[in-house]
Amino acid sequence: IAQWGYGLNVGVGELGVRSDELGVYPNPATN
């Protein structure tokens, strides 16, 4: 998934944030 804001040509995860800096679990989730 990606997001572009009005007038911006960047994707999700922009501005130097590394993808290994975030964990979301469990996936799939129940509660």
All heavy atoms as atom14 arrays in JSON, in Angstrom:
{
  "sequence": "IAQWGYGLNVGVGELGVRSDELGVYPNPATN",
  "atom14_mask": [
    [1, 1, 1, 1, 1, 1, 1, 1, 0, 0, 0, 0, 0, 0],
    [1, 1, 1, 1, 1, 0, 0, 0, 0, 0, 0, 0, 0, 0],
    [1, 1, 1, 1, 1, 1, 1, 1, 1, 0, 0, 0, 0, 0],
    [1, 1, 1, 1, 1, 1, 1, 1, 1, 1, 1, 1, 1, 1],
    [1, 1, 1, 1, 0, 0, 0, 0, 0, 0, 0, 0, 0, 0],
    [1, 1, 1, 1, 1, 1, 1, 1, 1, 1, 1, 1, 0, 0],
    [1, 1, 1, 1, 0, 0, 0, 0, 0, 0, 0, 0, 0, 0],
    [1, 1, 1, 1, 1, 1, 1, 1, 0, 0, 0, 0, 0, 0],
    [1, 1, 1, 1, 1, 1, 1, 1, 0, 0, 0, 0, 0, 0],
    [1, 1, 1, 1, 1, 1, 1, 0, 0, 0, 0, 0, 0, 0],
    [1, 1, 1, 1, 0, 0, 0, 0, 0, 0, 0, 0, 0, 0],
    [1, 1, 1, 1, 1, 1, 1, 0, 0, 0, 0, 0, 0, 0],
    [1, 1, 1, 1, 0, 0, 0, 0, 0, 0, 0, 0, 0, 0],
    [1, 1, 1, 1, 1, 1, 1, 1, 1, 0, 0, 0, 0, 0],
    [1, 1, 1, 1, 1, 1, 1, 1, 0, 0, 0, 0, 0, 0],
    [1, 1, 1, 1, 0, 0, 0, 0, 0, 0, 0, 0, 0, 0],
    [1, 1, 1, 1, 1, 1, 1, 0, 0, 0, 0, 0, 0, 0],
    [1, 1, 1, 1, 1, 1, 1, 1, 1, 1, 1, 0, 0, 0],
    [1, 1, 1, 1, 1, 1, 0, 0, 0, 0, 0, 0, 0, 0],
    [1, 1, 1, 1, 1, 1, 1, 1, 0, 0, 0, 0, 0, 0],
    [1, 1, 1, 1, 1, 1, 1, 1, 1, 0, 0, 0, 0, 0],
    [1, 1, 1, 1, 1, 1, 1, 1, 0, 0, 0, 0, 0, 0],
    [1, 1, 1, 1, 0, 0, 0, 0, 0, 0, 0, 0, 0, 0],
    [1, 1, 1, 1, 1, 1, 1, 0, 0, 0, 0, 0, 0, 0],
    [1, 1, 1, 1, 1, 1, 1, 1, 1, 1, 1, 1, 0, 0],
    [1, 1, 1, 1, 1, 1, 1, 0, 0, 0, 0, 0, 0, 0],
    [1, 1, 1, 1, 1, 1, 1, 1, 0, 0, 0, 0, 0, 0],
    [1, 1, 1, 1, 1, 1, 1, 0, 0, 0, 0, 0, 0, 0],
    [1, 1, 1, 1, 1, 0, 0, 0, 0, 0, 0, 0, 0, 0],
    [1, 1, 1, 1, 1, 1, 1, 0, 0, 0, 0, 0, 0, 0],
    [1, 1, 1, 1, 1, 1, 1, 1, 0, 0, 0, 0, 0, 0]
  ],
  "atom14_positions": [
    [[0.85, -1.19, 0.0], [0.0, 0.0, 0.0], [0.89, 1.24, 0.0], [1.96, 1.24, 0.59], [-0.98, 0.03, 1.19], [-1.97, 1.18, 1.01], [-0.26, 0.09, 2.51], [-3.18, 1.07, 1.89], [0.0, 0.0, 0.0], [0.0, 0.0, 0.0], [0.0, 0.0, 0.0], [0.0, 0.0, 0.0], [0.0, 0.0, 0.0], [0.0, 0.0, 0.0]],
    [[0.41, 2.27, -0.71], [1.14, 3.54, -0.75], [0.15, 4.68, -0.65], [-1.04, 4.52, -0.93], [1.94, 3.65, -2.05], [0.0, 0.0, 0.0], [0.0, 0.0, 0.0], [0.0, 0.0, 0.0], [0.0, 0.0, 0.0], [0.0, 0.0, 0.0], [0.0, 0.0, 0.0], [0.0, 0.0, 0.0], [0.0, 0.0, 0.0], [0.0, 0.0, 0.0]],
    [[0.67, 5.81, -0.25], [-0.16, 7.01, -0.14], [0.61, 8.17, -0.74], [1.79, 8.35, -0.49], [-0.46, 7.32, 1.32], [-1.14, 8.65, 1.52], [-1.16, 9.07, 2.97], [-0.86, 8.28, 3.85], [-1.51, 10.3, 3.22], [0.0, 0.0, 0.0], [0.0, 0.0, 0.0], [0.0, 0.0, 0.0], [0.0, 0.0, 0.0], [0.0, 0.0, 0.0]],
    [[-0.09, 8.95, -1.53], [0.47, 10.19, -2.03], [-0.43, 11.31, -1.54], [-1.65, 11.24, -1.67], [0.52, 10.22, -3.55], [1.63, 9.4, -4.12], [2.92, 9.79, -4.32], [1.57, 8.05, -4.58], [3.66, 8.77, -4.88], [2.84, 7.69, -5.05], [0.55, 7.09, -4.65], [3.13, 6.44, -5.57], [0.84, 5.86, -5.16], [2.12, 5.53, -5.61]],
    [[0.17, 12.35, -0.98], [-0.59, 13.52, -0.55], [-0.67, 14.53, -1.66], [0.1, 14.5, -2.62], [0.0, 0.0, 0.0], [0.0, 0.0, 0.0], [0.0, 0.0, 0.0], [0.0, 0.0, 0.0], [0.0, 0.0, 0.0], [0.0, 0.0, 0.0], [0.0, 0.0, 0.0], [0.0, 0.0, 0.0], [0.0, 0.0, 0.0], [0.0, 0.0, 0.0]],
    [[-1.6, 15.44, -1.54], [-1.79, 16.47, -2.56], [-0.5, 17.22, -2.81], [0.09, 17.78, -1.89], [-2.89, 17.45, -2.11], [-3.13, 18.56, -3.1], [-3.83, 18.31, -4.26], [-2.63, 19.82, -2.87], [-4.05, 19.31, -5.18], [-2.84, 20.83, -3.78], [-3.55, 20.58, -4.94], [-3.76, 21.57, -5.84], [0.0, 0.0, 0.0], [0.0, 0.0, 0.0]],
    [[-0.03, 17.21, -4.03], [1.19, 17.92, -4.39], [2.47, 17.2, -4.01], [3.55, 17.69, -4.27], [0.0, 0.0, 0.0], [0.0, 0.0, 0.0], [0.0, 0.0, 0.0], [0.0, 0.0, 0.0], [0.0, 0.0, 0.0], [0.0, 0.0, 0.0], [0.0, 0.0, 0.0], [0.0, 0.0, 0.0], [0.0, 0.0, 0.0], [0.0, 0.0, 0.0]],
    [[2.37, 16.03, -3.38], [3.56, 15.29, -2.98], [3.72, 14.07, -3.87], [2.76, 13.39, -4.17], [3.46, 14.84, -1.52], [3.31, 15.95, -0.49], [3.09, 15.33, 0.88], [4.52, 16.84, -0.48], [0.0, 0.0, 0.0], [0.0, 0.0, 0.0], [0.0, 0.0, 0.0], [0.0, 0.0, 0.0], [0.0, 0.0, 0.0], [0.0, 0.0, 0.0]],
    [[4.93, 13.77, -4.26], [5.19, 12.6, -5.07], [6.09, 11.63, -4.33], [7.18, 11.31, -4.76], [5.84, 13.02, -6.41], [4.87, 13.75, -7.28], [3.69, 13.45, -7.29], [5.35, 14.72, -8.02], [0.0, 0.0, 0.0], [0.0, 0.0, 0.0], [0.0, 0.0, 0.0], [0.0, 0.0, 0.0], [0.0, 0.0, 0.0], [0.0, 0.0, 0.0]],
    [[5.62, 11.2, -3.16], [6.39, 10.26, -2.36], [5.49, 9.11, -1.95], [4.28, 9.25, -1.89], [7.0, 10.91, -1.1], [8.02, 11.94, -1.49], [5.94, 11.52, -0.22], [0.0, 0.0, 0.0], [0.0, 0.0, 0.0], [0.0, 0.0, 0.0], [0.0, 0.0, 0.0], [0.0, 0.0, 0.0], [0.0, 0.0, 0.0], [0.0, 0.0, 0.0]],
    [[6.07, 7.99, -1.66], [5.3, 6.83, -1.24], [5.35, 6.65, 0.26], [5.98, 7.39, 0.99], [0.0, 0.0, 0.0], [0.0, 0.0, 0.0], [0.0, 0.0, 0.0], [0.0, 0.0, 0.0], [0.0, 0.0, 0.0], [0.0, 0.0, 0.0], [0.0, 0.0, 0.0], [0.0, 0.0, 0.0], [0.0, 0.0, 0.0], [0.0, 0.0, 0.0]],
    [[4.68, 5.61, 0.73], [4.67, 5.29, 2.14], [6.07, 4.87, 2.56], [6.78, 4.21, 1.84], [3.66, 4.17, 2.41], [3.75, 3.68, 3.83], [2.27, 4.65, 2.09], [0.0, 0.0, 0.0], [0.0, 0.0, 0.0], [0.0, 0.0, 0.0], [0.0, 0.0, 0.0], [0.0, 0.0, 0.0], [0.0, 0.0, 0.0], [0.0, 0.0, 0.0]],
    [[6.48, 5.26, 3.75], [7.81, 4.93, 4.23], [8.82, 5.98, 3.8], [10.0, 5.71, 3.76], [0.0, 0.0, 0.0], [0.0, 0.0, 0.0], [0.0, 0.0, 0.0], [0.0, 0.0, 0.0], [0.0, 0.0, 0.0], [0.0, 0.0, 0.0], [0.0, 0.0, 0.0], [0.0, 0.0, 0.0], [0.0, 0.0, 0.0], [0.0, 0.0, 0.0]],
    [[8.36, 7.17, 3.48], [9.25, 8.21, 3.01], [10.02, 8.85, 4.15], [9.85, 8.53, 5.3], [8.46, 9.28, 2.25], [7.51, 10.09, 3.09], [6.15, 9.49, 3.21], [5.96, 8.31, 2.96], [5.25, 10.22, 3.59], [0.0, 0.0, 0.0], [0.0, 0.0, 0.0], [0.0, 0.0, 0.0], [0.0, 0.0, 0.0], [0.0, 0.0, 0.0]],
    [[10.87, 9.8, 3.8], [11.6, 10.66, 4.73], [12.59, 9.91, 5.61], [12.83, 10.28, 6.74], [10.62, 11.46, 5.61], [9.59, 12.29, 4.87], [8.64, 12.94, 5.86], [10.24, 13.32, 3.99], [0.0, 0.0, 0.0], [0.0, 0.0, 0.0], [0.0, 0.0, 0.0], [0.0, 0.0, 0.0], [0.0, 0.0, 0.0], [0.0, 0.0, 0.0]],
    [[13.19, 8.85, 5.1], [14.29, 8.21, 5.79], [13.94, 7.23, 6.89], [14.8, 6.81, 7.63], [0.0, 0.0, 0.0], [0.0, 0.0, 0.0], [0.0, 0.0, 0.0], [0.0, 0.0, 0.0], [0.0, 0.0, 0.0], [0.0, 0.0, 0.0], [0.0, 0.0, 0.0], [0.0, 0.0, 0.0], [0.0, 0.0, 0.0], [0.0, 0.0, 0.0]],
    [[12.7, 6.85, 7.03], [12.33, 5.87, 8.04], [12.55, 4.48, 7.45], [12.08, 4.18, 6.37], [10.86, 6.03, 8.48], [10.51, 5.01, 9.55], [10.6, 7.43, 8.96], [0.0, 0.0, 0.0], [0.0, 0.0, 0.0], [0.0, 0.0, 0.0], [0.0, 0.0, 0.0], [0.0, 0.0, 0.0], [0.0, 0.0, 0.0], [0.0, 0.0, 0.0]],
    [[13.26, 3.63, 8.17], [13.5, 2.28, 7.67], [12.35, 1.36, 8.08], [11.79, 1.5, 9.17], [14.81, 1.75, 8.24], [16.02, 2.5, 7.74], [17.32, 1.82, 8.11], [17.21, 0.89, 9.22], [17.81, 1.05, 10.39], [18.56, 2.08, 10.62], [17.68, 0.14, 11.34], [0.0, 0.0, 0.0], [0.0, 0.0, 0.0], [0.0, 0.0, 0.0]],
    [[12.02, 0.4, 7.22], [10.9, -0.49, 7.49], [11.13, -1.4, 8.69], [10.18, -1.89, 9.29], [10.58, -1.32, 6.24], [11.67, -2.15, 5.92], [0.0, 0.0, 0.0], [0.0, 0.0, 0.0], [0.0, 0.0, 0.0], [0.0, 0.0, 0.0], [0.0, 0.0, 0.0], [0.0, 0.0, 0.0], [0.0, 0.0, 0.0], [0.0, 0.0, 0.0]],
    [[12.39, -1.63, 9.07], [12.65, -2.48, 10.24], [12.48, -1.73, 11.56], [12.68, -2.27, 12.63], [14.04, -3.11, 10.15], [15.17, -2.1, 10.24], [14.91, -0.87, 10.15], [16.33, -2.53, 10.39], [0.0, 0.0, 0.0], [0.0, 0.0, 0.0], [0.0, 0.0, 0.0], [0.0, 0.0, 0.0], [0.0, 0.0, 0.0], [0.0, 0.0, 0.0]],
    [[12.07, -0.46, 11.49], [11.87, 0.34, 12.7], [10.46, 0.19, 13.26], [10.12, 0.84, 14.24], [12.17, 1.82, 12.42], [13.63, 2.07, 12.14], [13.95, 3.53, 11.95], [13.25, 4.38, 12.53], [14.92, 3.82, 11.24], [0.0, 0.0, 0.0], [0.0, 0.0, 0.0], [0.0, 0.0, 0.0], [0.0, 0.0, 0.0], [0.0, 0.0, 0.0]],
    [[9.63, -0.65, 12.65], [8.25, -0.82, 13.1], [7.84, -2.27, 13.0], [8.02, -2.91, 11.97], [7.31, 0.03, 12.23], [5.81, -0.15, 12.47], [5.41, 0.33, 13.86], [5.02, 0.59, 11.42], [0.0, 0.0, 0.0], [0.0, 0.0, 0.0], [0.0, 0.0, 0.0], [0.0, 0.0, 0.0], [0.0, 0.0, 0.0], [0.0, 0.0, 0.0]],
    [[7.27, -2.79, 14.09], [6.69, -4.12, 14.09], [5.25, -4.04, 14.54], [4.92, -3.33, 15.5], [0.0, 0.0, 0.0], [0.0, 0.0, 0.0], [0.0, 0.0, 0.0], [0.0, 0.0, 0.0], [0.0, 0.0, 0.0], [0.0, 0.0, 0.0], [0.0, 0.0, 0.0], [0.0, 0.0, 0.0], [0.0, 0.0, 0.0], [0.0, 0.0, 0.0]],
    [[4.37, -4.71, 13.83], [2.96, -4.81, 14.21], [2.6, -6.28, 14.21], [2.69, -6.94, 13.18], [2.05, -4.02, 13.24], [0.59, -4.14, 13.67], [2.45, -2.56, 13.17], [0.0, 0.0, 0.0], [0.0, 0.0, 0.0], [0.0, 0.0, 0.0], [0.0, 0.0, 0.0], [0.0, 0.0, 0.0], [0.0, 0.0, 0.0], [0.0, 0.0, 0.0]],
    [[2.2, -6.8, 15.36], [1.92, -8.23, 15.47], [0.88, -8.49, 16.54], [0.66, -7.63, 17.39], [3.23, -9.0, 15.75], [3.99, -8.49, 16.95], [3.73, -8.98, 18.23], [4.98, -7.51, 16.81], [4.42, -8.53, 19.34], [5.69, -7.05, 17.93], [5.4, -7.56, 19.17], [6.08, -7.11, 20.27], [0.0, 0.0, 0.0], [0.0, 0.0, 0.0]],
    [[0.21, -9.64, 16.55], [0.25, -10.67, 15.51], [-0.52, -10.2, 14.27], [-1.35, -9.3, 14.35], [-0.45, -11.86, 16.15], [-1.43, -11.24, 17.12], [-0.76, -9.98, 17.61], [0.0, 0.0, 0.0], [0.0, 0.0, 0.0], [0.0, 0.0, 0.0], [0.0, 0.0, 0.0], [0.0, 0.0, 0.0], [0.0, 0.0, 0.0], [0.0, 0.0, 0.0]],
    [[-0.26, -10.83, 13.17], [-0.96, -10.53, 11.93], [-1.1, -11.83, 11.14], [-0.1, -12.36, 10.7], [-0.2, -9.5, 11.12], [-1.04, -8.92, 10.01], [-2.23, -9.12, 9.94], [-0.38, -8.2, 9.12], [0.0, 0.0, 0.0], [0.0, 0.0, 0.0], [0.0, 0.0, 0.0], [0.0, 0.0, 0.0], [0.0, 0.0, 0.0], [0.0, 0.0, 0.0]],
    [[-2.31, -12.35, 11.02], [-3.61, -11.77, 11.39], [-3.8, -11.73, 12.91], [-3.18, -12.47, 13.65], [-4.63, -12.68, 10.73], [-3.92, -13.94, 10.4], [-2.47, -13.62, 10.31], [0.0, 0.0, 0.0], [0.0, 0.0, 0.0], [0.0, 0.0, 0.0], [0.0, 0.0, 0.0], [0.0, 0.0, 0.0], [0.0, 0.0, 0.0], [0.0, 0.0, 0.0]],
    [[-4.69, -10.83, 13.33], [-4.96, -10.61, 14.75], [-6.41, -10.94, 15.07], [-7.25, -11.01, 14.18], [-4.67, -9.15, 15.1], [0.0, 0.0, 0.0], [0.0, 0.0, 0.0], [0.0, 0.0, 0.0], [0.0, 0.0, 0.0], [0.0, 0.0, 0.0], [0.0, 0.0, 0.0], [0.0, 0.0, 0.0], [0.0, 0.0, 0.0], [0.0, 0.0, 0.0]],
    [[-6.68, -11.14, 16.37], [-8.06, -11.41, 16.79], [-8.55, -10.42, 17.84], [-9.61, -9.85, 17.69], [-8.2, -12.84, 17.33], [-7.23, -13.04, 18.36], [-8.03, -13.87, 16.24], [0.0, 0.0, 0.0], [0.0, 0.0, 0.0], [0.0, 0.0, 0.0], [0.0, 0.0, 0.0], [0.0, 0.0, 0.0], [0.0, 0.0, 0.0], [0.0, 0.0, 0.0]],
    [[-7.79, -10.2, 18.91], [-8.25, -9.36, 20.01], [-7.43, -8.09, 20.21], [-7.97, -7.06, 20.57], [-8.26, -10.14, 21.32], [-9.25, -11.27, 21.28], [-10.34, -11.1, 20.76], [-8.87, -12.42, 21.79], [0.0, 0.0, 0.0], [0.0, 0.0, 0.0], [0.0, 0.0, 0.0], [0.0, 0.0, 0.0], [0.0, 0.0, 0.0], [0.0, 0.0, 0.0]]
  ]
}
